[in-house]
Amino acid sequence: MATEFKLPELGENISAGDVMRVLVKPGDSVANDQPVLELETDKATIEVPSSVSGTVGEVKVKPGEKVAADQEIIEVETDKVNVEVEAAEDGVLSEIYAQEGEFIKFGAVVAAIEKPS
């Protein structure tokens, strides 16, 4: 599954910066906390670490470009998978027990469905 890695908040009163160097390329393995970008702000030059691990799929920025906080920088292929699960019965969803992003074990109850009267 592809995961977007976005530029995190850089600090107080810093909302953007200029890309100096991109430290990864498509096909590279990237680890959590590994620097992926060198960014120059009006206050300093910093290395931006990845918040995900996996394989770089696409680099969305180039040296010389200005990037803003929350802008997508790279796309990373991970071993995580999204799966849609069909309900066993028709009804109205009344309660959700699992939180978004939570690891769910096979066979776990994730929601309650009430049958219409």
N, C-alpha and C. Protein backbone atom coordinates (compact mmCIF):
# COMPACT_ATOMS: atom_id res chain seq x y z
N MET A 1 0.84 -1.17 0.00
CA MET A 1 0.00 0.00 0.00
C MET A 1 0.90 1.24 0.00
N ALA A 2 0.52 2.22 -0.77
CA ALA A 2 1.28 3.47 -0.83
C ALA A 2 0.87 4.39 0.31
N THR A 3 1.85 4.97 0.96
CA THR A 3 1.62 5.91 2.05
C THR A 3 2.26 7.24 1.68
N GLU A 4 1.51 8.31 1.83
CA GLU A 4 2.05 9.64 1.56
C GLU A 4 2.85 10.12 2.76
N PHE A 5 4.08 10.56 2.53
CA PHE A 5 4.84 11.19 3.60
C PHE A 5 4.81 12.68 3.32
N LYS A 6 4.23 13.42 4.25
CA LYS A 6 4.08 14.87 4.10
C LYS A 6 5.07 15.59 4.98
N LEU A 7 5.45 16.79 4.54
CA LEU A 7 6.37 17.60 5.33
C LEU A 7 5.72 17.91 6.68
N PRO A 8 6.36 17.53 7.77
CA PRO A 8 5.78 17.81 9.09
C PRO A 8 5.93 19.30 9.45
N GLU A 9 5.25 19.70 10.52
CA GLU A 9 5.43 21.05 11.04
C GLU A 9 6.91 21.21 11.40
N LEU A 10 7.49 22.31 11.02
CA LEU A 10 8.93 22.49 11.18
C LEU A 10 9.32 23.24 12.45
N GLY A 11 8.37 23.81 13.10
CA GLY A 11 8.65 24.57 14.30
C GLY A 11 7.82 25.83 14.33
N GLU A 12 7.94 26.53 15.42
CA GLU A 12 7.17 27.75 15.61
C GLU A 12 7.54 28.80 14.56
N ASN A 13 6.54 29.35 13.91
CA ASN A 13 6.68 30.40 12.89
C ASN A 13 7.44 29.96 11.64
N ILE A 14 7.56 28.65 11.41
CA ILE A 14 8.19 28.15 10.18
C ILE A 14 7.14 27.34 9.44
N SER A 15 6.68 27.87 8.31
CA SER A 15 5.61 27.19 7.57
C SER A 15 6.07 26.63 6.23
N ALA A 16 7.29 26.98 5.80
CA ALA A 16 7.78 26.52 4.50
C ALA A 16 9.30 26.57 4.46
N GLY A 17 9.86 25.97 3.41
CA GLY A 17 11.30 26.00 3.21
C GLY A 17 11.63 25.65 1.78
N ASP A 18 12.90 25.77 1.43
CA ASP A 18 13.37 25.46 0.09
C ASP A 18 14.10 24.12 0.12
N VAL A 19 13.77 23.23 -0.84
CA VAL A 19 14.43 21.94 -0.93
C VAL A 19 15.86 22.16 -1.42
N MET A 20 16.82 21.75 -0.62
CA MET A 20 18.23 21.85 -1.00
C MET A 20 18.66 20.55 -1.69
N ARG A 21 18.35 19.41 -1.05
CA ARG A 21 18.70 18.11 -1.61
C ARG A 21 17.63 17.10 -1.25
N VAL A 22 17.34 16.21 -2.18
CA VAL A 22 16.48 15.06 -1.91
C VAL A 22 17.43 13.89 -1.67
N LEU A 23 17.31 13.24 -0.53
CA LEU A 23 18.28 12.23 -0.10
C LEU A 23 17.89 10.80 -0.47
N VAL A 24 16.71 10.63 -1.11
CA VAL A 24 16.25 9.30 -1.53
C VAL A 24 15.77 9.39 -2.97
N LYS A 25 15.65 8.21 -3.61
CA LYS A 25 15.13 8.14 -4.98
C LYS A 25 14.19 6.93 -5.07
N PRO A 26 13.35 6.88 -6.10
CA PRO A 26 12.45 5.73 -6.24
C PRO A 26 13.24 4.41 -6.22
N GLY A 27 12.70 3.46 -5.46
CA GLY A 27 13.34 2.15 -5.31
C GLY A 27 14.19 2.03 -4.06
N ASP A 28 14.57 3.16 -3.46
CA ASP A 28 15.36 3.13 -2.22
C ASP A 28 14.52 2.62 -1.07
N SER A 29 15.15 1.88 -0.17
CA SER A 29 14.50 1.52 1.10
C SER A 29 14.67 2.70 2.05
N VAL A 30 13.62 3.00 2.79
CA VAL A 30 13.69 4.09 3.76
C VAL A 30 13.19 3.57 5.10
N ALA A 31 13.88 3.97 6.16
CA ALA A 31 13.51 3.55 7.52
C ALA A 31 12.89 4.72 8.26
N ASN A 32 12.12 4.40 9.27
CA ASN A 32 11.54 5.43 10.13
C ASN A 32 12.69 6.25 10.72
N ASP A 33 12.56 7.56 10.71
CA ASP A 33 13.54 8.52 11.22
C ASP A 33 14.76 8.72 10.30
N GLN A 34 14.80 8.07 9.15
CA GLN A 34 15.91 8.28 8.20
C GLN A 34 15.70 9.62 7.49
N PRO A 35 16.74 10.45 7.39
CA PRO A 35 16.60 11.71 6.65
C PRO A 35 16.28 11.46 5.18
N VAL A 36 15.27 12.17 4.66
CA VAL A 36 14.87 12.00 3.26
C VAL A 36 15.00 13.30 2.46
N LEU A 37 15.19 14.41 3.17
CA LEU A 37 15.19 15.70 2.51
C LEU A 37 16.04 16.69 3.31
N GLU A 38 16.80 17.51 2.61
CA GLU A 38 17.52 18.61 3.25
C GLU A 38 16.76 19.88 2.87
N LEU A 39 16.35 20.63 3.87
CA LEU A 39 15.49 21.78 3.67
C LEU A 39 16.10 23.02 4.30
N GLU A 40 16.05 24.12 3.57
CA GLU A 40 16.56 25.39 4.10
C GLU A 40 15.37 26.29 4.41
N THR A 41 15.33 26.75 5.65
CA THR A 41 14.30 27.71 6.06
C THR A 41 14.99 29.04 6.29
N ASP A 42 14.23 30.04 6.68
CA ASP A 42 14.85 31.33 6.95
C ASP A 42 15.69 31.30 8.22
N LYS A 43 15.59 30.21 9.00
CA LYS A 43 16.32 30.12 10.26
C LYS A 43 17.48 29.13 10.24
N ALA A 44 17.36 28.05 9.42
CA ALA A 44 18.40 27.01 9.44
C ALA A 44 18.23 26.05 8.27
N THR A 45 19.27 25.23 8.05
CA THR A 45 19.16 24.12 7.12
C THR A 45 18.98 22.87 7.97
N ILE A 46 17.94 22.10 7.66
CA ILE A 46 17.61 20.92 8.47
C ILE A 46 17.42 19.70 7.59
N GLU A 47 17.63 18.53 8.18
CA GLU A 47 17.30 17.27 7.52
C GLU A 47 15.93 16.85 8.02
N VAL A 48 15.07 16.48 7.10
CA VAL A 48 13.71 16.07 7.44
C VAL A 48 13.67 14.55 7.48
N PRO A 49 13.35 13.94 8.65
CA PRO A 49 13.31 12.49 8.74
C PRO A 49 11.95 11.92 8.31
N SER A 50 11.98 10.71 7.77
CA SER A 50 10.76 10.02 7.38
C SER A 50 10.00 9.55 8.62
N SER A 51 8.68 9.56 8.52
CA SER A 51 7.86 9.03 9.62
C SER A 51 7.32 7.65 9.27
N VAL A 52 7.72 7.12 8.11
CA VAL A 52 7.28 5.79 7.68
C VAL A 52 8.49 5.01 7.16
N SER A 53 8.35 3.68 7.13
CA SER A 53 9.40 2.86 6.54
C SER A 53 8.80 2.06 5.39
N GLY A 54 9.64 1.75 4.41
CA GLY A 54 9.19 1.01 3.24
C GLY A 54 10.11 1.31 2.07
N THR A 55 9.54 1.26 0.86
CA THR A 55 10.29 1.50 -0.36
C THR A 55 9.76 2.76 -1.03
N VAL A 56 10.66 3.67 -1.38
CA VAL A 56 10.26 4.92 -2.02
C VAL A 56 9.65 4.59 -3.38
N GLY A 57 8.40 5.05 -3.59
CA GLY A 57 7.73 4.83 -4.86
C GLY A 57 7.89 6.02 -5.78
N GLU A 58 7.64 7.20 -5.25
CA GLU A 58 7.72 8.41 -6.06
C GLU A 58 8.19 9.57 -5.20
N VAL A 59 9.07 10.39 -5.76
CA VAL A 59 9.53 11.61 -5.09
C VAL A 59 8.72 12.75 -5.69
N LYS A 60 8.05 13.54 -4.85
CA LYS A 60 7.12 14.57 -5.33
C LYS A 60 7.73 15.97 -5.36
N VAL A 61 8.99 16.12 -4.91
CA VAL A 61 9.63 17.45 -4.88
C VAL A 61 11.01 17.37 -5.52
N LYS A 62 11.54 18.55 -5.91
CA LYS A 62 12.86 18.65 -6.54
C LYS A 62 13.66 19.74 -5.84
N PRO A 63 14.99 19.64 -5.91
CA PRO A 63 15.81 20.72 -5.36
C PRO A 63 15.43 22.06 -5.99
N GLY A 64 15.41 23.10 -5.14
CA GLY A 64 15.04 24.43 -5.60
C GLY A 64 13.58 24.77 -5.39
N GLU A 65 12.74 23.76 -5.19
CA GLU A 65 11.31 24.01 -4.98
C GLU A 65 11.05 24.46 -3.55
N LYS A 66 10.04 25.29 -3.38
CA LYS A 66 9.58 25.69 -2.06
C LYS A 66 8.49 24.70 -1.65
N VAL A 67 8.58 24.19 -0.43
CA VAL A 67 7.58 23.26 0.09
C VAL A 67 7.00 23.81 1.38
N ALA A 68 5.75 23.48 1.61
CA ALA A 68 5.05 23.96 2.80
C ALA A 68 4.72 22.78 3.71
N ALA A 69 4.51 23.07 4.98
CA ALA A 69 4.10 22.05 5.94
C ALA A 69 2.84 21.37 5.42
N ASP A 70 2.77 20.06 5.57
CA ASP A 70 1.65 19.21 5.17
C ASP A 70 1.61 18.95 3.66
N GLN A 71 2.64 19.36 2.93
CA GLN A 71 2.73 19.06 1.50
C GLN A 71 3.36 17.68 1.33
N GLU A 72 2.85 16.88 0.40
CA GLU A 72 3.41 15.55 0.17
C GLU A 72 4.81 15.67 -0.42
N ILE A 73 5.75 14.92 0.17
CA ILE A 73 7.14 14.93 -0.26
C ILE A 73 7.47 13.67 -1.06
N ILE A 74 7.17 12.51 -0.46
CA ILE A 74 7.44 11.24 -1.13
C ILE A 74 6.26 10.29 -0.91
N GLU A 75 6.17 9.33 -1.79
CA GLU A 75 5.21 8.25 -1.63
C GLU A 75 6.02 7.01 -1.28
N VAL A 76 5.62 6.32 -0.22
CA VAL A 76 6.36 5.15 0.26
C VAL A 76 5.45 3.93 0.20
N GLU A 77 5.95 2.87 -0.43
CA GLU A 77 5.23 1.60 -0.46
C GLU A 77 5.54 0.86 0.83
N THR A 78 4.49 0.47 1.55
CA THR A 78 4.67 -0.24 2.82
C THR A 78 4.05 -1.62 2.72
N ASP A 79 4.24 -2.42 3.75
CA ASP A 79 3.64 -3.75 3.77
C ASP A 79 2.24 -3.74 4.40
N LYS A 80 1.75 -2.55 4.71
CA LYS A 80 0.41 -2.44 5.28
C LYS A 80 -0.62 -2.57 4.17
N VAL A 81 -1.79 -3.09 4.50
CA VAL A 81 -2.84 -3.31 3.52
C VAL A 81 -4.16 -2.80 4.07
N ASN A 82 -4.95 -2.17 3.22
CA ASN A 82 -6.32 -1.81 3.56
C ASN A 82 -7.24 -2.86 2.98
N VAL A 83 -8.15 -3.37 3.80
CA VAL A 83 -9.09 -4.38 3.34
C VAL A 83 -10.50 -3.96 3.73
N GLU A 84 -11.41 -4.03 2.77
CA GLU A 84 -12.82 -3.78 3.07
C GLU A 84 -13.43 -5.08 3.53
N VAL A 85 -14.15 -5.03 4.64
CA VAL A 85 -14.78 -6.23 5.19
C VAL A 85 -16.28 -6.08 5.05
N GLU A 86 -16.91 -7.05 4.39
CA GLU A 86 -18.36 -7.00 4.22
C GLU A 86 -19.04 -7.45 5.50
N ALA A 87 -20.18 -6.81 5.80
CA ALA A 87 -20.96 -7.20 6.97
C ALA A 87 -21.62 -8.55 6.71
N ALA A 88 -21.73 -9.35 7.76
CA ALA A 88 -22.35 -10.66 7.65
C ALA A 88 -23.87 -10.56 7.54
N GLU A 89 -24.43 -9.46 8.00
CA GLU A 89 -25.89 -9.26 7.97
C GLU A 89 -26.20 -7.82 7.61
N ASP A 90 -27.44 -7.60 7.11
CA ASP A 90 -27.92 -6.25 6.86
C ASP A 90 -28.31 -5.61 8.19
N GLY A 91 -28.21 -4.30 8.27
CA GLY A 91 -28.63 -3.62 9.48
C GLY A 91 -28.05 -2.22 9.54
N VAL A 92 -28.17 -1.64 10.71
CA VAL A 92 -27.70 -0.29 10.95
C VAL A 92 -26.48 -0.35 11.85
N LEU A 93 -25.40 0.28 11.42
CA LEU A 93 -24.18 0.31 12.22
C LEU A 93 -24.46 1.10 13.49
N SER A 94 -24.33 0.44 14.64
CA SER A 94 -24.67 1.12 15.90
C SER A 94 -23.47 1.45 16.77
N GLU A 95 -22.37 0.72 16.57
CA GLU A 95 -21.20 0.98 17.40
C GLU A 95 -19.94 0.49 16.67
N ILE A 96 -18.85 1.25 16.80
CA ILE A 96 -17.58 0.85 16.22
C ILE A 96 -16.60 0.65 17.37
N TYR A 97 -15.99 -0.53 17.43
CA TYR A 97 -15.07 -0.85 18.52
C TYR A 97 -13.61 -0.60 18.17
N ALA A 98 -13.27 -0.60 16.90
CA ALA A 98 -11.88 -0.40 16.48
C ALA A 98 -11.66 1.05 16.09
N GLN A 99 -10.46 1.54 16.37
CA GLN A 99 -10.10 2.91 16.01
C GLN A 99 -9.33 2.91 14.69
N GLU A 100 -9.43 4.00 13.94
CA GLU A 100 -8.68 4.13 12.70
C GLU A 100 -7.19 3.99 12.98
N GLY A 101 -6.52 3.17 12.18
CA GLY A 101 -5.09 2.95 12.33
C GLY A 101 -4.73 1.86 13.34
N GLU A 102 -5.71 1.33 14.04
CA GLU A 102 -5.47 0.30 15.04
C GLU A 102 -5.23 -1.06 14.37
N PHE A 103 -4.30 -1.85 14.88
CA PHE A 103 -4.04 -3.19 14.38
C PHE A 103 -5.19 -4.09 14.84
N ILE A 104 -5.78 -4.84 13.91
CA ILE A 104 -6.91 -5.72 14.21
C ILE A 104 -6.50 -7.16 13.95
N LYS A 105 -6.68 -8.02 14.94
CA LYS A 105 -6.38 -9.43 14.77
C LYS A 105 -7.54 -10.12 14.05
N PHE A 106 -7.20 -11.15 13.29
CA PHE A 106 -8.21 -11.93 12.59
C PHE A 106 -9.23 -12.46 13.59
N GLY A 107 -10.51 -12.31 13.27
CA GLY A 107 -11.58 -12.82 14.12
C GLY A 107 -12.07 -11.82 15.16
N ALA A 108 -11.44 -10.67 15.28
CA ALA A 108 -11.84 -9.67 16.27
C ALA A 108 -13.17 -9.02 15.86
N VAL A 109 -13.96 -8.65 16.84
CA VAL A 109 -15.21 -7.92 16.59
C VAL A 109 -14.85 -6.44 16.45
N VAL A 110 -15.21 -5.83 15.32
CA VAL A 110 -14.83 -4.44 15.07
C VAL A 110 -16.01 -3.48 15.13
N ALA A 111 -17.25 -4.02 15.04
CA ALA A 111 -18.41 -3.15 15.06
C ALA A 111 -19.66 -3.94 15.43
N ALA A 112 -20.72 -3.21 15.81
CA ALA A 112 -22.01 -3.82 16.10
C ALA A 112 -23.03 -3.32 15.08
N ILE A 113 -23.88 -4.24 14.63
CA ILE A 113 -24.94 -3.90 13.68
C ILE A 113 -26.27 -4.28 14.30
N GLU A 114 -27.20 -3.32 14.29
CA GLU A 114 -28.56 -3.60 14.79
C GLU A 114 -29.45 -3.94 13.60
N LYS A 115 -30.28 -4.97 13.78
CA LYS A 115 -31.22 -5.33 12.74
C LYS A 115 -32.38 -4.35 12.77
N PRO A 116 -32.84 -3.90 11.58
CA PRO A 116 -33.99 -2.99 11.56
C PRO A 116 -35.24 -3.68 12.08
N SER A 117 -36.10 -2.93 12.75
CA SER A 117 -37.32 -3.54 13.30
C SER A 117 -38.45 -3.55 12.32
